[in-house]
Amino acid sequence: MTTSDSPFQRETLPRRESAPSGGSAGSPTPPERCQNFLAPGARFDGTLIVEDSIRVEGSFTGQIQTGGTLQITSGAQVRADIHAAFVVIAGSFEGQIDSDQRIDLLPPGRIRADLRTRRLVVEDGAEFDGKIEMNPSSASAPQPASTPTSSRRGQGSASDR
């Protein structure tokens, strides 16, 4: 992984309202413009906190927090809890995602996750199994208490349609 500043920080990053570098206010940073990356064949277990965007091409297990875009490329394997402005998945992902702006699920991505976001894009060929919570005002705003629902997985699978 390369970065201009150390991506390993203990404190939580402040939320960014402006666009991350490399992308516009409404779009994720393209993979080739991500300043930080985990290379193919590399494996990382732990917590990763970066201010800008990151591209994962290897294997990652743990937590990722970024003020920019998280790109999970085809061939990458990620099992994590994620908080990012934008998340783009074309690889294999399992876990939870809290996105401030948008999540893109791209082929040949295989996603088994609980998603919380303002906007969601699922392209033909991406496989998804999990729950989606949409909140147009802010993905991280506190939610009012609601009636408990069944937590059975497998319902609402986009890959079954």
C-alpha atoms as a PDB file:
ATOM      1  CA  MET A   1       0.000   0.000   0.000  1.00  0.00           C
ATOM      2  CA  THR A   2       1.299   3.447  -0.826  1.00  0.00           C
ATOM      3  CA  THR A   3       0.188   6.718   0.648  1.00  0.00           C
ATOM      4  CA  SER A   4       1.552  10.185   1.190  1.00  0.00           C
ATOM      5  CA  ASP A   5       0.470  10.154   4.842  1.00  0.00           C
ATOM      6  CA  SER A   6       0.252   7.172   7.169  1.00  0.00           C
ATOM      7  CA  PRO A   7      -3.214   5.586   6.754  1.00  0.00           C
ATOM      8  CA  PHE A   8      -2.965   4.051  10.229  1.00  0.00           C
ATOM      9  CA  GLN A   9      -4.535   6.470  12.634  1.00  0.00           C
ATOM     10  CA  ARG A  10      -6.321   5.847  15.931  1.00  0.00           C
ATOM     11  CA  GLU A  11      -8.839   8.692  15.878  1.00  0.00           C
ATOM     12  CA  THR A  12     -12.027   8.770  13.843  1.00  0.00           C
ATOM     13  CA  LEU A  13     -11.964  10.938  10.743  1.00  0.00           C
ATOM     14  CA  PRO A  14     -14.318  13.905  10.597  1.00  0.00           C
ATOM     15  CA  ARG A  15     -17.078  13.577   8.014  1.00  0.00           C
ATOM     16  CA  ARG A  16     -16.355  15.363   4.749  1.00  0.00           C
ATOM     17  CA  GLU A  17     -19.054  17.389   3.075  1.00  0.00           C
ATOM     18  CA  SER A  18     -16.923  18.244   0.060  1.00  0.00           C
ATOM     19  CA  ALA A  19     -16.029  15.914  -2.779  1.00  0.00           C
ATOM     20  CA  PRO A  20     -13.030  13.647  -2.313  1.00  0.00           C
ATOM     21  CA  SER A  21     -10.096  14.434  -4.590  1.00  0.00           C
ATOM     22  CA  GLY A  22     -10.296  12.739  -7.940  1.00  0.00           C
ATOM     23  CA  GLY A  23     -14.101  12.615  -8.056  1.00  0.00           C
ATOM     24  CA  SER A  24     -16.848  15.184  -8.345  1.00  0.00           C
ATOM     25  CA  ALA A  25     -19.388  15.901  -5.609  1.00  0.00           C
ATOM     26  CA  GLY A  26     -21.737  13.250  -7.001  1.00  0.00           C
ATOM     27  CA  SER A  27     -19.344  10.577  -8.235  1.00  0.00           C
ATOM     28  CA  PRO A  28     -16.735   8.193  -6.839  1.00  0.00           C
ATOM     29  CA  THR A  29     -13.017   8.474  -7.507  1.00  0.00           C
ATOM     30  CA  PRO A  30     -12.060   6.162 -10.420  1.00  0.00           C
ATOM     31  CA  PRO A  31      -9.846   3.191  -9.427  1.00  0.00           C
ATOM     32  CA  GLU A  32      -6.788   4.498 -11.265  1.00  0.00           C
ATOM     33  CA  ARG A  33      -6.963   7.799  -9.338  1.00  0.00           C
ATOM     34  CA  CYS A  34      -7.079   6.275  -5.834  1.00  0.00           C
ATOM     35  CA  GLN A  35      -3.960   7.422  -3.992  1.00  0.00           C
ATOM     36  CA  ASN A  36      -3.921   4.449  -1.608  1.00  0.00           C
ATOM     37  CA  PHE A  37      -4.130   0.785  -2.520  1.00  0.00           C
ATOM     38  CA  LEU A  38      -3.763  -2.808  -1.364  1.00  0.00           C
ATOM     39  CA  ALA A  39      -2.047  -4.634  -4.226  1.00  0.00           C
ATOM     40  CA  PRO A  40      -3.093  -7.959  -5.769  1.00  0.00           C
ATOM     41  CA  GLY A  41      -1.701 -10.847  -3.727  1.00  0.00           C
ATOM     42  CA  ALA A  42      -1.381  -8.683  -0.608  1.00  0.00           C
ATOM     43  CA  ARG A  43      -3.332  -9.613   2.528  1.00  0.00           C
ATOM     44  CA  PHE A  44      -4.280  -7.256   5.349  1.00  0.00           C
ATOM     45  CA  ASP A  45      -6.124  -7.974   8.608  1.00  0.00           C
ATOM     46  CA  GLY A  46      -7.033  -5.033  10.849  1.00  0.00           C
ATOM     47  CA  THR A  47      -8.317  -1.479  10.756  1.00  0.00           C
ATOM     48  CA  LEU A  48      -7.559   0.867   7.886  1.00  0.00           C
ATOM     49  CA  ILE A  49      -8.350   4.584   8.132  1.00  0.00           C
ATOM     50  CA  VAL A  50      -7.564   6.930   5.248  1.00  0.00           C
ATOM     51  CA  GLU A  51      -8.656  10.481   4.515  1.00  0.00           C
ATOM     52  CA  ASP A  52      -8.768  10.040   0.752  1.00  0.00           C
ATOM     53  CA  SER A  53      -9.769   7.200  -1.567  1.00  0.00           C
ATOM     54  CA  ILE A  54      -8.452   3.639  -1.512  1.00  0.00           C
ATOM     55  CA  ARG A  55      -8.425   0.753  -3.997  1.00  0.00           C
ATOM     56  CA  VAL A  56      -8.385  -2.837  -2.729  1.00  0.00           C
ATOM     57  CA  GLU A  57      -7.096  -5.437  -5.186  1.00  0.00           C
ATOM     58  CA  GLY A  58      -5.927  -8.029  -2.636  1.00  0.00           C
ATOM     59  CA  SER A  59      -7.480  -9.644   0.435  1.00  0.00           C
ATOM     60  CA  PHE A  60      -8.715  -7.537   3.361  1.00  0.00           C
ATOM     61  CA  THR A  61     -10.390  -8.484   6.650  1.00  0.00           C
ATOM     62  CA  GLY A  62     -11.357  -5.937   9.301  1.00  0.00           C
ATOM     63  CA  GLN A  63     -12.616  -2.359   9.194  1.00  0.00           C
ATOM     64  CA  ILE A  64     -12.162   0.372   6.594  1.00  0.00           C
ATOM     65  CA  GLN A  65     -12.968   4.043   7.078  1.00  0.00           C
ATOM     66  CA  THR A  66     -12.374   6.612   4.365  1.00  0.00           C
ATOM     67  CA  GLY A  67     -13.580  10.135   3.699  1.00  0.00           C
ATOM     68  CA  GLY A  68     -13.427   9.385  -0.029  1.00  0.00           C
ATOM     69  CA  THR A  69     -14.078   6.375  -2.246  1.00  0.00           C
ATOM     70  CA  LEU A  70     -13.446   2.705  -1.522  1.00  0.00           C
ATOM     71  CA  GLN A  71     -12.900   0.720  -4.735  1.00  0.00           C
ATOM     72  CA  ILE A  72     -13.009  -3.097  -4.388  1.00  0.00           C
ATOM     73  CA  THR A  73     -11.785  -4.364  -7.752  1.00  0.00           C
ATOM     74  CA  SER A  74     -12.548  -7.601  -9.567  1.00  0.00           C
ATOM     75  CA  GLY A  75     -10.553 -10.396  -7.948  1.00  0.00           C
ATOM     76  CA  ALA A  76     -10.350  -8.673  -4.546  1.00  0.00           C
ATOM     77  CA  GLN A  77     -11.757 -10.419  -1.475  1.00  0.00           C
ATOM     78  CA  VAL A  78     -12.981  -8.214   1.354  1.00  0.00           C
ATOM     79  CA  ARG A  79     -14.695  -9.126   4.609  1.00  0.00           C
ATOM     80  CA  ALA A  80     -15.220  -5.916   6.558  1.00  0.00           C
ATOM     81  CA  ASP A  81     -17.275  -3.218   8.183  1.00  0.00           C
ATOM     82  CA  ILE A  82     -16.959  -0.130   6.003  1.00  0.00           C
ATOM     83  CA  HIS A  83     -17.702   3.565   6.328  1.00  0.00           C
ATOM     84  CA  ALA A  84     -17.014   5.674   3.223  1.00  0.00           C
ATOM     85  CA  ALA A  85     -18.479   8.447   1.134  1.00  0.00           C
ATOM     86  CA  PHE A  86     -18.598   6.215  -1.974  1.00  0.00           C
ATOM     87  CA  VAL A  87     -18.171   2.445  -2.290  1.00  0.00           C
ATOM     88  CA  VAL A  88     -17.692   0.646  -5.616  1.00  0.00           C
ATOM     89  CA  ILE A  89     -17.589  -3.167  -5.546  1.00  0.00           C
ATOM     90  CA  ALA A  90     -16.612  -5.405  -8.466  1.00  0.00           C
ATOM     91  CA  GLY A  91     -14.950  -8.087  -6.309  1.00  0.00           C
ATOM     92  CA  SER A  92     -16.117 -10.328  -3.499  1.00  0.00           C
ATOM     93  CA  PHE A  93     -17.460  -8.568  -0.386  1.00  0.00           C
ATOM     94  CA  GLU A  94     -19.049  -9.725   2.852  1.00  0.00           C
ATOM     95  CA  GLY A  95     -19.934  -7.456   5.766  1.00  0.00           C
ATOM     96  CA  GLN A  96     -21.617  -4.118   6.415  1.00  0.00           C
ATOM     97  CA  ILE A  97     -21.375  -0.832   4.541  1.00  0.00           C
ATOM     98  CA  ASP A  98     -22.355   2.636   5.720  1.00  0.00           C
ATOM     99  CA  SER A  99     -22.004   5.012   2.766  1.00  0.00           C
ATOM    100  CA  ASP A 100     -22.611   8.766   3.012  1.00  0.00           C
ATOM    101  CA  GLN A 101     -23.284   9.125  -0.725  1.00  0.00           C
ATOM    102  CA  ARG A 102     -23.568   6.056  -2.982  1.00  0.00           C
ATOM    103  CA  ILE A 103     -22.818   2.358  -3.322  1.00  0.00           C
ATOM    104  CA  ASP A 104     -22.184   0.862  -6.787  1.00  0.00           C
ATOM    105  CA  LEU A 105     -22.380  -2.927  -7.228  1.00  0.00           C
ATOM    106  CA  LEU A 106     -20.665  -3.914 -10.479  1.00  0.00           C
ATOM    107  CA  PRO A 107     -20.172  -7.214 -12.294  1.00  0.00           C
ATOM    108  CA  PRO A 108     -18.642  -9.627 -11.561  1.00  0.00           C
ATOM    109  CA  GLY A 109     -19.111  -8.518  -7.935  1.00  0.00           C
ATOM    110  CA  ARG A 110     -20.536 -10.923  -5.360  1.00  0.00           C
ATOM    111  CA  ILE A 111     -21.868  -9.028  -2.379  1.00  0.00           C
ATOM    112  CA  ARG A 112     -23.320 -10.485   0.820  1.00  0.00           C
ATOM    113  CA  ALA A 113     -23.904  -7.492   3.040  1.00  0.00           C
ATOM    114  CA  ASP A 114     -26.109  -5.096   4.904  1.00  0.00           C
ATOM    115  CA  LEU A 115     -26.024  -1.731   3.123  1.00  0.00           C
ATOM    116  CA  ARG A 116     -26.908   1.739   4.404  1.00  0.00           C
ATOM    117  CA  THR A 117     -26.705   4.536   1.863  1.00  0.00           C
ATOM    118  CA  ARG A 118     -28.396   7.502   0.212  1.00  0.00           C
ATOM    119  CA  ARG A 119     -28.145   6.019  -3.317  1.00  0.00           C
ATOM    120  CA  LEU A 120     -27.581   2.533  -4.716  1.00  0.00           C
ATOM    121  CA  VAL A 121     -26.606   1.393  -8.209  1.00  0.00           C
ATOM    122  CA  VAL A 122     -26.736  -2.328  -9.061  1.00  0.00           C
ATOM    123  CA  GLU A 123     -25.504  -3.184 -12.542  1.00  0.00           C
ATOM    124  CA  ASP A 124     -26.634  -6.277 -14.428  1.00  0.00           C
ATOM    125  CA  GLY A 125     -24.348  -9.176 -13.540  1.00  0.00           C
ATOM    126  CA  ALA A 126     -23.600  -8.103  -9.958  1.00  0.00           C
ATOM    127  CA  GLU A 127     -24.861 -10.554  -7.318  1.00  0.00           C
ATOM    128  CA  PHE A 128     -26.315  -9.185  -4.073  1.00  0.00           C
ATOM    129  CA  ASP A 129     -27.712 -10.890  -0.990  1.00  0.00           C
ATOM    130  CA  GLY A 130     -28.537  -8.836   2.093  1.00  0.00           C
ATOM    131  CA  LYS A 131     -30.456  -5.879   3.459  1.00  0.00           C
ATOM    132  CA  ILE A 132     -30.607  -2.332   2.168  1.00  0.00           C
ATOM    133  CA  GLU A 133     -31.490   0.746   4.199  1.00  0.00           C
ATOM    134  CA  MET A 134     -32.004   3.828   2.068  1.00  0.00           C
ATOM    135  CA  ASN A 135     -31.983   7.294   3.604  1.00  0.00           C
ATOM    136  CA  PRO A 136     -32.060  10.165   1.101  1.00  0.00           C
ATOM    137  CA  SER A 137     -31.108  12.885   3.604  1.00  0.00           C
ATOM    138  CA  SER A 138     -28.014  11.269   5.146  1.00  0.00           C
ATOM    139  CA  ALA A 139     -26.825   7.702   5.566  1.00  0.00           C
ATOM    140  CA  SER A 140     -25.346   8.468   8.965  1.00  0.00           C
ATOM    141  CA  ALA A 141     -28.226  10.461  10.473  1.00  0.00           C
ATOM    142  CA  PRO A 142     -29.845   8.892  13.544  1.00  0.00           C
ATOM    143  CA  GLN A 143     -32.868   6.812  12.672  1.00  0.00           C
ATOM    144  CA  PRO A 144     -36.156   6.854  14.617  1.00  0.00           C
ATOM    145  CA  ALA A 145     -37.000   3.699  16.545  1.00  0.00           C
ATOM    146  CA  SER A 146     -38.942   1.223  14.460  1.00  0.00           C
ATOM    147  CA  THR A 147     -40.784  -2.030  14.932  1.00  0.00           C
ATOM    148  CA  PRO A 148     -38.392  -5.016  14.976  1.00  0.00           C
ATOM    149  CA  THR A 149     -38.357  -7.026  11.763  1.00  0.00           C
ATOM    150  CA  SER A 150     -37.243 -10.512  10.890  1.00  0.00           C
ATOM    151  CA  SER A 151     -33.496 -10.825  10.410  1.00  0.00           C
ATOM    152  CA  ARG A 152     -33.662 -13.836   8.097  1.00  0.00           C
ATOM    153  CA  ARG A 153     -31.011 -13.599   5.421  1.00  0.00           C
ATOM    154  CA  GLY A 154     -31.695 -14.480   1.843  1.00  0.00           C
ATOM    155  CA  GLN A 155     -34.927 -12.522   1.509  1.00  0.00           C
ATOM    156  CA  GLY A 156     -34.871  -9.876  -1.169  1.00  0.00           C
ATOM    157  CA  SER A 157     -31.861 -11.296  -2.956  1.00  0.00           C
ATOM    158  CA  ALA A 158     -31.225  -9.361  -6.151  1.00  0.00           C
ATOM    159  CA  SER A 159     -29.321 -12.333  -7.575  1.00  0.00           C
ATOM    160  CA  ASP A 160     -32.501 -14.445  -7.536  1.00  0.00           C
ATOM    161  CA  ARG A 161     -34.303 -12.095  -9.915  1.00  0.00           C
END
